[in-house]
Amino acid sequence: MNQGAALCDLISSKFDSVITSIDGESFSGDEKELIVYQPQYPQGASLQPELSRAVNKVYPNAASDSATGSNYFSKVWLYANSRMPPNLPPLKVYIPTYPLLCLAAQYSESVYTRPTGSERETHVDANWRHGTKAMVLKSIPIDDMNTVVFAIRGSQTFMDWAVNFRPAPASPAGFLDDPGNLCHSGFLHVARQMIAPVSARLRSLLQENPSRSNCSLLITGHSAGGAVASLLYAHMMSETVSSELNHLTGFFKRVHCITFGSPPVSLLPLQKPSHPRHQKSLFLSFINEGDPVPRADKIVLTSLLKLYASPAPNSVCNLTTAAATAATATASSLALPLPNKKQKEKWPKKDKKSNSWPGPATPKPMWHIPPSTLSTAGRLVLLRLKPGTVGEQNVEACVVSDEQLRGVVFGDPVCHMMALYARRVEVLATRAVTARVV
């Protein structure tokens, strides 16, 4: 049952390299890149056939060498709490909002490319004394849309910022209105370091074209860049703190923040200010169902790695004790009553020998998730395929709460790809402008 520390280290290393390559826009999306190669399995282990079935079910095009490796990441979909409930409230926005969403997705995806034309790129160098990593800020004036875009990315490895990069919460005193709301100290320090270069670039844009004071400011980013973007937005919208960046908030018509696959950043979720003048400001955090990064709290990541290294839950005998207990509880709670007369025609016929109705199918097990410390910022928007459908044209956007997000185990690295976020936002926008949104 225990695959050992060596297997867990192998999976952890592969997980780190895949997410890092996704953040660097160098992941091809080929499921073959998710294969973890292990020279030899423990004696008597029956893990390989179950993982092969998992791969074929979730990634039908993935190749797995039955003697050397498996896609351990696909196993997460075999648990009942790997998906959100089927009936969630839809995201409702005005039609003019969709071009802004597309703009955010476009530049969150292209932030790694070399700037062209009027685009500017500013580097915030790593600071070894403080343990901060280099960040890159791309600024784009989109004058025809009356918008200035700031897209942010990070260059550190995933495990570096998610686990090792000063994850302990720290006070945002002097940066946010609520000094008691602790933040991820690594992201908070980077956001503080970016105040000077961001404010300098904004002043330069306003001096180049004073009419930009009628523009909106859009701060966006993917993954670690989204976390820093959220903190900078919250700083600009603060009422009780003062800085050269916070002072520039009033020079723009509105300030928006739209992030994609952003990790948790604060003890209490950062939200849009309730003041009436910020009513039309957007603070949205898009999350693909299955993306592990928005759940990348240290303790949750540790639990996820254990899930990957545990036997696949194809049979009760292969479950961990905690998962087996949860599966039993779920089966009890989902037991269906005998059908009434109106329901009988929808059910299979009675077994003549036992004179009984067939019971429900065995439910998927639940994976026990430890309570996380930090929350993802903004209004959480879940992107997924409509339950029971296939094909990206059937994507839907639903509103979820931080509490709901804490109850799921997301662990499919492919769902973290910015290209997937951008494609889904484009589908939603196209459907909206062609009057096909219900």
Protein backbone atom coordinates (compact mmCIF):
# COMPACT_ATOMS: atom_id res chain seq x y z
CA MET A 1 0.00 0.00 0.00
CA ASN A 2 2.88 2.35 0.72
CA GLN A 3 4.86 3.08 -2.45
CA GLY A 4 7.66 4.62 -0.38
CA ALA A 5 9.41 7.94 -0.14
CA ALA A 6 11.32 7.31 -3.37
CA LEU A 7 8.15 7.12 -5.45
CA CYS A 8 6.73 10.22 -3.76
CA ASP A 9 9.95 12.11 -4.53
CA LEU A 10 9.78 10.99 -8.17
CA ILE A 11 6.21 12.20 -8.51
CA SER A 12 6.96 15.45 -6.67
CA SER A 13 9.89 16.18 -9.00
CA LYS A 14 7.80 15.41 -12.09
CA PHE A 15 4.89 17.50 -10.81
CA ASP A 16 7.26 20.43 -10.17
CA SER A 17 8.81 20.20 -13.64
CA VAL A 18 5.42 19.96 -15.40
CA ILE A 19 3.86 22.94 -13.60
CA THR A 20 7.07 24.96 -14.04
CA SER A 21 7.10 24.21 -17.77
CA ILE A 22 3.44 25.23 -17.97
CA ASP A 23 4.21 28.53 -16.23
CA GLY A 24 7.04 29.03 -18.71
CA GLU A 25 4.77 28.28 -21.69
CA SER A 26 7.04 25.40 -22.67
CA PHE A 27 4.65 22.52 -21.97
CA SER A 28 3.36 20.95 -25.17
CA GLY A 29 0.15 19.60 -23.64
CA ASP A 30 1.05 16.07 -24.75
CA GLU A 31 -0.12 13.62 -22.08
CA LYS A 32 3.04 11.57 -22.67
CA GLU A 33 4.95 14.29 -20.82
CA LEU A 34 3.01 13.39 -17.67
CA ILE A 35 4.43 9.88 -17.46
CA VAL A 36 6.50 9.22 -14.33
CA TYR A 37 9.08 6.53 -14.96
CA GLN A 38 9.89 4.19 -12.11
CA PRO A 39 12.43 1.40 -12.73
CA GLN A 40 10.86 -1.15 -10.40
CA TYR A 41 7.69 -1.52 -8.34
CA PRO A 42 7.64 -2.94 -4.80
CA GLN A 43 7.17 -6.68 -4.62
CA GLY A 44 3.53 -7.73 -4.76
CA ALA A 45 2.26 -4.28 -5.80
CA SER A 46 -0.78 -4.34 -8.08
CA LEU A 47 -0.70 -0.64 -8.81
CA GLN A 48 0.30 -0.73 -12.48
CA PRO A 49 -2.83 -2.31 -14.04
CA GLU A 50 -5.08 0.09 -12.13
CA LEU A 51 -3.06 3.11 -13.19
CA SER A 52 -3.16 1.94 -16.79
CA ARG A 53 -6.95 1.82 -16.62
CA ALA A 54 -6.95 5.32 -15.11
CA VAL A 55 -4.75 6.62 -17.92
CA ASN A 56 -6.96 5.08 -20.60
CA LYS A 57 -10.10 6.51 -18.99
CA VAL A 58 -8.90 10.09 -18.45
CA TYR A 59 -6.22 10.41 -21.13
CA PRO A 60 -7.18 8.03 -23.94
CA ASN A 61 -4.34 9.29 -26.14
CA ALA A 62 -1.63 8.93 -23.52
CA ALA A 63 0.99 6.25 -23.89
CA SER A 64 2.25 4.42 -20.82
CA ASP A 65 5.09 1.93 -20.71
CA SER A 66 3.63 -0.87 -18.61
CA ALA A 67 7.12 -1.81 -17.39
CA THR A 68 8.59 1.56 -16.51
CA GLY A 69 6.09 4.32 -15.94
CA SER A 70 2.57 5.60 -15.45
CA ASN A 71 0.55 8.79 -15.48
CA TYR A 72 -0.01 9.05 -11.74
CA PHE A 73 -1.71 12.43 -12.11
CA SER A 74 -4.79 11.00 -13.84
CA LYS A 75 -5.64 9.10 -10.67
CA VAL A 76 -7.11 12.20 -9.05
CA TRP A 77 -10.19 12.00 -11.33
CA LEU A 78 -11.11 8.66 -9.78
CA TYR A 79 -12.22 10.39 -6.57
CA ALA A 80 -15.72 11.77 -6.08
CA ASN A 81 -14.50 15.14 -4.75
CA SER A 82 -12.27 15.81 -7.78
CA ARG A 83 -15.15 17.75 -9.36
CA MET A 84 -17.50 20.48 -8.22
CA PRO A 85 -21.25 19.79 -7.84
CA PRO A 86 -23.12 19.71 -11.18
CA ASN A 87 -25.53 22.56 -10.39
CA LEU A 88 -23.62 25.79 -9.77
CA PRO A 89 -24.78 29.38 -10.34
CA PRO A 90 -23.56 30.70 -13.71
CA LEU A 91 -21.32 33.74 -14.07
CA LYS A 92 -23.41 36.69 -15.24
CA VAL A 93 -21.63 39.69 -16.75
CA TYR A 94 -22.57 42.36 -19.25
CA ILE A 95 -21.68 41.73 -22.90
CA PRO A 96 -19.08 44.59 -22.95
CA THR A 97 -17.18 42.74 -20.21
CA TYR A 98 -16.19 39.86 -22.50
CA PRO A 99 -13.65 41.83 -24.57
CA LEU A 100 -11.96 42.74 -21.29
CA LEU A 101 -11.84 39.07 -20.27
CA CYS A 102 -10.34 38.18 -23.65
CA LEU A 103 -7.79 40.98 -23.29
CA ALA A 104 -6.72 39.63 -19.89
CA ALA A 105 -6.43 36.08 -21.21
CA GLN A 106 -4.53 37.21 -24.30
CA TYR A 107 -1.82 39.06 -22.38
CA SER A 108 -1.61 36.56 -19.53
CA GLU A 109 -0.75 34.02 -22.23
CA SER A 110 1.64 36.24 -24.21
CA VAL A 111 3.48 37.73 -21.23
CA TYR A 112 6.43 35.37 -21.88
CA THR A 113 6.91 36.55 -25.47
CA ARG A 114 9.27 39.34 -26.40
CA PRO A 115 7.50 42.75 -26.32
CA THR A 116 6.72 44.45 -29.63
CA GLY A 117 5.43 47.84 -30.73
CA SER A 118 4.21 49.95 -27.84
CA GLU A 119 4.61 47.12 -25.33
CA ARG A 120 7.13 47.61 -22.56
CA GLU A 121 8.74 45.03 -20.31
CA THR A 122 10.14 45.78 -16.88
CA HIS A 123 12.22 43.31 -14.90
CA VAL A 124 12.22 43.20 -11.12
CA ASP A 125 15.49 41.46 -10.31
CA ALA A 126 15.86 38.68 -7.79
CA ASN A 127 16.99 39.74 -4.33
CA TRP A 128 18.97 36.98 -2.64
CA ARG A 129 19.07 38.91 0.65
CA HIS A 130 15.27 38.78 0.90
CA GLY A 131 14.78 35.48 -0.92
CA THR A 132 12.66 37.02 -3.70
CA LYS A 133 12.73 35.78 -7.28
CA ALA A 134 12.75 37.76 -10.49
CA MET A 135 9.40 38.99 -11.79
CA VAL A 136 8.56 40.39 -15.19
CA LEU A 137 5.98 43.10 -15.83
CA LYS A 138 4.62 43.74 -19.33
CA SER A 139 2.68 46.96 -19.87
CA ILE A 140 0.52 47.60 -22.92
CA PRO A 141 -1.56 50.71 -23.71
CA ILE A 142 -4.64 49.58 -25.65
CA ASP A 143 -5.86 53.03 -26.59
CA ASP A 144 -8.63 51.82 -28.90
CA MET A 145 -10.19 50.01 -25.91
CA ASN A 146 -9.34 52.80 -23.44
CA THR A 147 -7.40 50.29 -21.37
CA VAL A 148 -3.88 49.99 -20.00
CA VAL A 149 -2.86 46.39 -19.36
CA PHE A 150 -0.27 45.17 -16.87
CA ALA A 151 0.51 41.47 -17.26
CA ILE A 152 2.73 39.88 -14.61
CA ARG A 153 4.65 36.62 -14.60
CA GLY A 154 7.19 34.96 -12.35
CA SER A 155 10.30 33.01 -13.27
CA GLN A 156 10.79 30.77 -10.25
CA THR A 157 10.02 27.07 -10.17
CA PHE A 158 6.62 25.94 -8.94
CA MET A 159 7.78 24.18 -5.76
CA ASP A 160 10.04 27.14 -5.01
CA TRP A 161 7.18 29.60 -4.67
CA ALA A 162 4.50 27.13 -3.60
CA VAL A 163 6.35 25.41 -0.77
CA ASN A 164 9.89 26.64 -0.13
CA PHE A 165 9.57 30.32 -1.04
CA ARG A 166 8.63 31.76 2.35
CA PRO A 167 5.06 30.42 2.42
CA ALA A 168 4.47 31.35 6.07
CA PRO A 169 1.79 34.08 6.34
CA ALA A 170 2.96 37.61 7.15
CA SER A 171 1.17 40.83 8.07
CA PRO A 172 0.38 43.19 5.15
CA ALA A 173 0.61 46.24 7.43
CA GLY A 174 1.22 49.36 5.35
CA PHE A 175 0.24 47.49 2.18
CA LEU A 176 -3.41 46.48 2.69
CA ASP A 177 -6.25 48.00 4.68
CA ASP A 178 -6.54 44.97 6.98
CA PRO A 179 -3.16 44.35 8.67
CA GLY A 180 -4.63 41.35 10.48
CA ASN A 181 -5.32 39.49 7.23
CA LEU A 182 -2.06 37.55 6.86
CA CYS A 183 -0.65 36.98 3.36
CA HIS A 184 1.79 34.57 1.72
CA SER A 185 5.03 36.30 2.71
CA GLY A 186 6.83 35.49 -0.54
CA PHE A 187 4.17 36.94 -2.82
CA LEU A 188 3.64 39.87 -0.46
CA HIS A 189 7.32 40.79 -0.55
CA VAL A 190 7.42 40.60 -4.36
CA ALA A 191 4.30 42.81 -4.56
CA ARG A 192 5.94 45.37 -2.27
CA GLN A 193 9.05 45.33 -4.47
CA MET A 194 6.93 45.98 -7.56
CA ILE A 195 5.33 49.17 -6.27
CA ALA A 196 8.18 51.35 -7.57
CA PRO A 197 8.51 49.92 -11.12
CA VAL A 198 4.74 49.70 -11.65
CA SER A 199 4.11 53.26 -10.51
CA ALA A 200 7.02 54.53 -12.63
CA ARG A 201 5.62 52.86 -15.74
CA LEU A 202 2.10 54.17 -15.06
CA ARG A 203 3.39 57.73 -14.70
CA SER A 204 5.30 57.31 -17.97
CA LEU A 205 2.16 56.13 -19.80
CA LEU A 206 0.14 59.05 -18.45
CA GLN A 207 2.82 61.53 -19.45
CA GLU A 208 3.01 60.07 -22.96
CA ASN A 209 -0.73 60.54 -23.43
CA PRO A 210 -2.59 62.56 -20.75
CA SER A 211 -5.94 61.40 -22.18
CA ARG A 212 -5.19 57.98 -20.70
CA SER A 213 -6.50 59.34 -17.43
CA ASN A 214 -9.89 58.38 -18.89
CA CYS A 215 -8.72 54.78 -19.42
CA SER A 216 -9.26 51.74 -17.26
CA LEU A 217 -6.32 49.88 -15.77
CA LEU A 218 -6.32 46.08 -16.09
CA ILE A 219 -3.91 44.07 -13.94
CA THR A 220 -3.67 40.43 -14.94
CA GLY A 221 -1.50 37.36 -14.64
CA HIS A 222 -1.39 33.58 -14.68
CA SER A 223 -0.24 31.33 -11.82
CA ALA A 224 2.30 33.12 -9.58
CA GLY A 225 1.85 36.26 -11.67
CA GLY A 226 -1.85 36.18 -10.82
CA ALA A 227 -1.09 36.06 -7.09
CA VAL A 228 1.11 39.17 -7.30
CA ALA A 229 -1.46 40.89 -9.54
CA SER A 230 -4.17 40.28 -6.92
CA LEU A 231 -2.04 41.81 -4.17
CA LEU A 232 -1.16 44.86 -6.27
CA TYR A 233 -4.85 45.36 -7.11
CA ALA A 234 -5.83 45.11 -3.43
CA HIS A 235 -3.08 47.63 -2.61
CA MET A 236 -4.28 50.10 -5.25
CA MET A 237 -7.85 49.83 -3.95
CA SER A 238 -6.85 50.33 -0.30
CA GLU A 239 -8.28 53.34 1.51
CA THR A 240 -6.04 53.59 4.57
CA VAL A 241 -2.58 53.03 3.06
CA SER A 242 -0.56 55.43 0.96
CA SER A 243 2.16 54.84 -1.64
CA GLU A 244 3.24 56.18 -5.01
CA LEU A 245 1.22 53.39 -6.67
CA ASN A 246 -1.87 53.75 -4.50
CA HIS A 247 -1.83 57.49 -5.28
CA LEU A 248 -2.24 56.75 -9.01
CA THR A 249 -5.51 54.80 -8.59
CA GLY A 250 -7.58 57.97 -8.97
CA PHE A 251 -5.94 58.75 -12.32
CA PHE A 252 -7.81 55.89 -13.98
CA LYS A 253 -11.49 55.54 -14.71
CA ARG A 254 -11.55 52.02 -13.22
CA VAL A 255 -9.06 49.45 -11.98
CA HIS A 256 -9.68 45.78 -12.80
CA CYS A 257 -7.91 42.58 -11.84
CA ILE A 258 -8.47 39.31 -13.75
CA THR A 259 -6.29 36.30 -12.97
CA PHE A 260 -6.02 32.72 -14.22
CA GLY A 261 -4.97 29.71 -12.15
CA SER A 262 -3.79 31.94 -9.32
CA PRO A 263 -2.54 30.26 -6.10
CA PRO A 264 -3.87 31.14 -2.62
CA VAL A 265 -2.45 34.38 -1.23
CA SER A 266 -4.19 35.40 2.02
CA LEU A 267 -5.75 34.09 5.20
CA LEU A 268 -9.08 35.79 4.42
CA PRO A 269 -10.10 36.03 0.75
CA LEU A 270 -9.24 39.39 -0.82
CA GLN A 271 -12.37 40.93 -2.32
CA LYS A 272 -13.36 43.97 -4.31
CA PRO A 273 -14.03 47.05 -2.13
CA SER A 274 -17.69 47.64 -1.34
CA HIS A 275 -17.53 51.39 -2.01
CA PRO A 276 -20.07 52.45 -4.69
CA ARG A 277 -17.39 54.04 -6.89
CA HIS A 278 -15.81 50.61 -7.36
CA GLN A 279 -19.08 48.92 -8.26
CA LYS A 280 -18.08 48.38 -11.91
CA SER A 281 -14.57 47.27 -11.08
CA LEU A 282 -13.81 43.60 -11.85
CA PHE A 283 -11.87 41.33 -9.51
CA LEU A 284 -12.19 37.85 -11.01
CA SER A 285 -10.12 34.72 -10.47
CA PHE A 286 -10.69 32.07 -13.17
CA ILE A 287 -10.07 28.46 -12.15
CA ASN A 288 -10.16 25.47 -14.46
CA GLU A 289 -11.80 22.49 -12.79
CA GLY A 290 -8.90 20.21 -11.94
CA ASP A 291 -6.19 22.90 -11.82
CA PRO A 292 -4.06 22.12 -8.72
CA VAL A 293 -2.45 25.57 -8.42
CA PRO A 294 -5.48 27.45 -6.96
CA ARG A 295 -5.33 24.83 -4.18
CA ALA A 296 -1.53 25.07 -3.81
CA ASP A 297 -1.40 25.53 -0.06
CA LYS A 298 1.58 23.67 1.43
CA ILE A 299 -0.48 21.16 3.43
CA VAL A 300 -2.84 20.52 0.50
CA LEU A 301 0.11 19.90 -1.84
CA THR A 302 1.51 17.37 0.61
CA SER A 303 -1.83 15.57 0.65
CA LEU A 304 -2.02 15.66 -3.16
CA LEU A 305 1.40 14.04 -3.48
CA LYS A 306 0.22 11.29 -1.14
CA LEU A 307 -2.80 10.76 -3.40
CA TYR A 308 -0.55 10.37 -6.44
CA ALA A 309 1.68 7.85 -4.64
CA SER A 310 -1.20 5.81 -3.17
CA PRO A 311 -2.77 2.85 -4.98
CA ALA A 312 -5.54 3.72 -7.40
CA PRO A 313 -9.01 3.51 -5.81
CA ASN A 314 -10.43 0.87 -8.16
CA SER A 315 -11.28 -1.45 -5.30
CA VAL A 316 -11.95 -1.02 -1.61
CA CYS A 317 -8.96 -3.20 -0.70
CA ASN A 318 -6.64 -0.71 -2.41
CA LEU A 319 -7.94 2.36 -0.58
CA THR A 320 -6.19 4.00 2.30
CA THR A 321 -8.01 3.70 5.61
CA ALA A 322 -9.18 7.31 5.49
CA ALA A 323 -10.47 7.05 1.93
CA ALA A 324 -12.20 3.75 2.62
CA THR A 325 -13.99 5.26 5.61
CA ALA A 326 -15.07 8.23 3.51
CA ALA A 327 -16.29 5.93 0.73
CA THR A 328 -18.42 3.96 3.21
CA ALA A 329 -19.91 7.15 4.60
CA THR A 330 -20.64 8.40 1.09
CA ALA A 331 -22.34 5.13 0.16
CA SER A 332 -24.59 5.41 3.21
CA SER A 333 -25.50 9.00 2.49
CA LEU A 334 -26.26 8.28 -1.18
CA ALA A 335 -28.38 5.17 -0.59
CA LEU A 336 -31.53 5.59 -2.66
CA PRO A 337 -35.03 4.77 -1.40
CA LEU A 338 -37.21 2.28 -3.18
CA PRO A 339 -38.93 3.88 -6.16
CA ASN A 340 -42.55 4.90 -6.02
CA LYS A 341 -45.07 4.04 -8.72
CA LYS A 342 -44.12 6.99 -10.93
CA GLN A 343 -40.45 6.14 -10.68
CA LYS A 344 -40.77 2.42 -11.42
CA GLU A 345 -40.85 2.84 -15.15
CA LYS A 346 -37.48 4.58 -15.05
CA TRP A 347 -35.87 1.80 -13.01
CA PRO A 348 -34.73 -1.65 -14.13
CA LYS A 349 -37.21 -4.43 -13.53
CA LYS A 350 -37.31 -6.26 -10.23
CA ASP A 351 -35.20 -9.32 -9.73
CA LYS A 352 -37.86 -12.07 -9.76
CA LYS A 353 -35.83 -14.36 -7.51
CA SER A 354 -35.11 -11.84 -4.76
CA ASN A 355 -38.20 -9.66 -5.42
CA SER A 356 -36.05 -6.56 -4.84
CA TRP A 357 -35.04 -3.47 -6.74
CA PRO A 358 -31.40 -3.06 -7.76
CA GLY A 359 -29.48 -0.60 -5.60
CA PRO A 360 -27.33 2.30 -6.78
CA ALA A 361 -23.90 1.79 -8.27
CA THR A 362 -20.95 1.87 -5.88
CA PRO A 363 -19.98 5.54 -5.51
CA LYS A 364 -16.47 6.82 -6.05
CA PRO A 365 -14.42 7.21 -2.87
CA MET A 366 -13.65 10.58 -1.31
CA TRP A 367 -10.09 11.76 -0.74
CA HIS A 368 -9.56 13.26 2.71
CA ILE A 369 -8.41 16.89 2.30
CA PRO A 370 -6.67 18.63 5.22
CA PRO A 371 -7.83 22.16 6.08
CA SER A 372 -5.84 24.74 4.14
CA THR A 373 -4.53 28.01 5.53
CA LEU A 374 -4.66 30.48 2.63
CA SER A 375 -7.46 31.49 0.25
CA THR A 376 -7.51 32.46 -3.42
CA ALA A 377 -8.24 36.15 -4.07
CA GLY A 378 -11.15 37.67 -5.96
CA ARG A 379 -14.51 36.39 -7.11
CA LEU A 380 -13.91 32.75 -7.96
CA VAL A 381 -15.10 31.63 -11.40
CA LEU A 382 -14.93 27.93 -12.26
CA LEU A 383 -14.38 27.01 -15.91
CA ARG A 384 -15.39 23.48 -16.91
CA LEU A 385 -17.24 21.43 -19.47
CA LYS A 386 -20.93 21.19 -18.71
CA PRO A 387 -21.53 17.95 -16.79
CA GLY A 388 -22.43 15.12 -19.14
CA THR A 389 -20.99 16.82 -22.25
CA VAL A 390 -17.78 16.63 -24.26
CA GLY A 391 -15.98 19.16 -26.43
CA GLU A 392 -14.64 22.61 -25.53
CA GLN A 393 -17.65 24.29 -27.14
CA ASN A 394 -19.67 23.12 -24.12
CA VAL A 395 -17.58 25.04 -21.60
CA GLU A 396 -19.40 26.91 -18.84
CA ALA A 397 -18.40 29.53 -16.26
CA CYS A 398 -19.81 29.11 -12.74
CA VAL A 399 -19.41 31.09 -9.54
CA VAL A 400 -18.01 29.16 -6.58
CA SER A 401 -17.12 30.08 -3.02
CA ASP A 402 -13.85 29.71 -1.17
CA GLU A 403 -15.52 27.17 1.11
CA GLN A 404 -16.56 25.04 -1.87
CA LEU A 405 -13.06 25.21 -3.32
CA ARG A 406 -11.60 23.91 -0.05
CA GLY A 407 -13.71 20.77 -0.35
CA VAL A 408 -12.30 19.52 -3.67
CA VAL A 409 -9.06 17.83 -4.64
CA PHE A 410 -7.77 19.26 -7.93
CA GLY A 411 -4.66 17.61 -9.34
CA ASP A 412 -4.56 17.51 -13.15
CA PRO A 413 -1.54 19.59 -14.34
CA VAL A 414 -2.95 19.93 -17.88
CA CYS A 415 -5.80 22.03 -16.46
CA HIS A 416 -3.26 24.68 -15.41
CA MET A 417 -2.28 25.54 -18.99
CA MET A 418 -2.88 29.20 -19.82
CA ALA A 419 -3.68 28.16 -23.39
CA LEU A 420 -6.66 26.19 -22.04
CA TYR A 421 -7.85 29.19 -20.01
CA ALA A 422 -7.55 31.48 -23.03
CA ARG A 423 -9.39 29.05 -25.31
CA ARG A 424 -12.27 28.65 -22.88
CA VAL A 425 -12.63 32.41 -22.33
CA GLU A 426 -12.70 32.89 -26.09
CA VAL A 427 -15.48 30.29 -26.43
CA LEU A 428 -17.53 32.04 -23.72
CA ALA A 429 -17.02 35.44 -25.34
CA THR A 430 -17.92 34.19 -28.82
CA ARG A 431 -21.06 32.55 -27.52
CA ALA A 432 -22.03 35.74 -25.68
CA VAL A 433 -21.66 38.10 -28.62
CA THR A 434 -23.52 35.73 -30.93
CA ALA A 435 -26.48 35.77 -28.52
CA ARG A 436 -26.19 32.09 -27.63
CA VAL A 437 -25.74 32.59 -23.91
CA VAL A 438 -28.74 31.31 -21.98
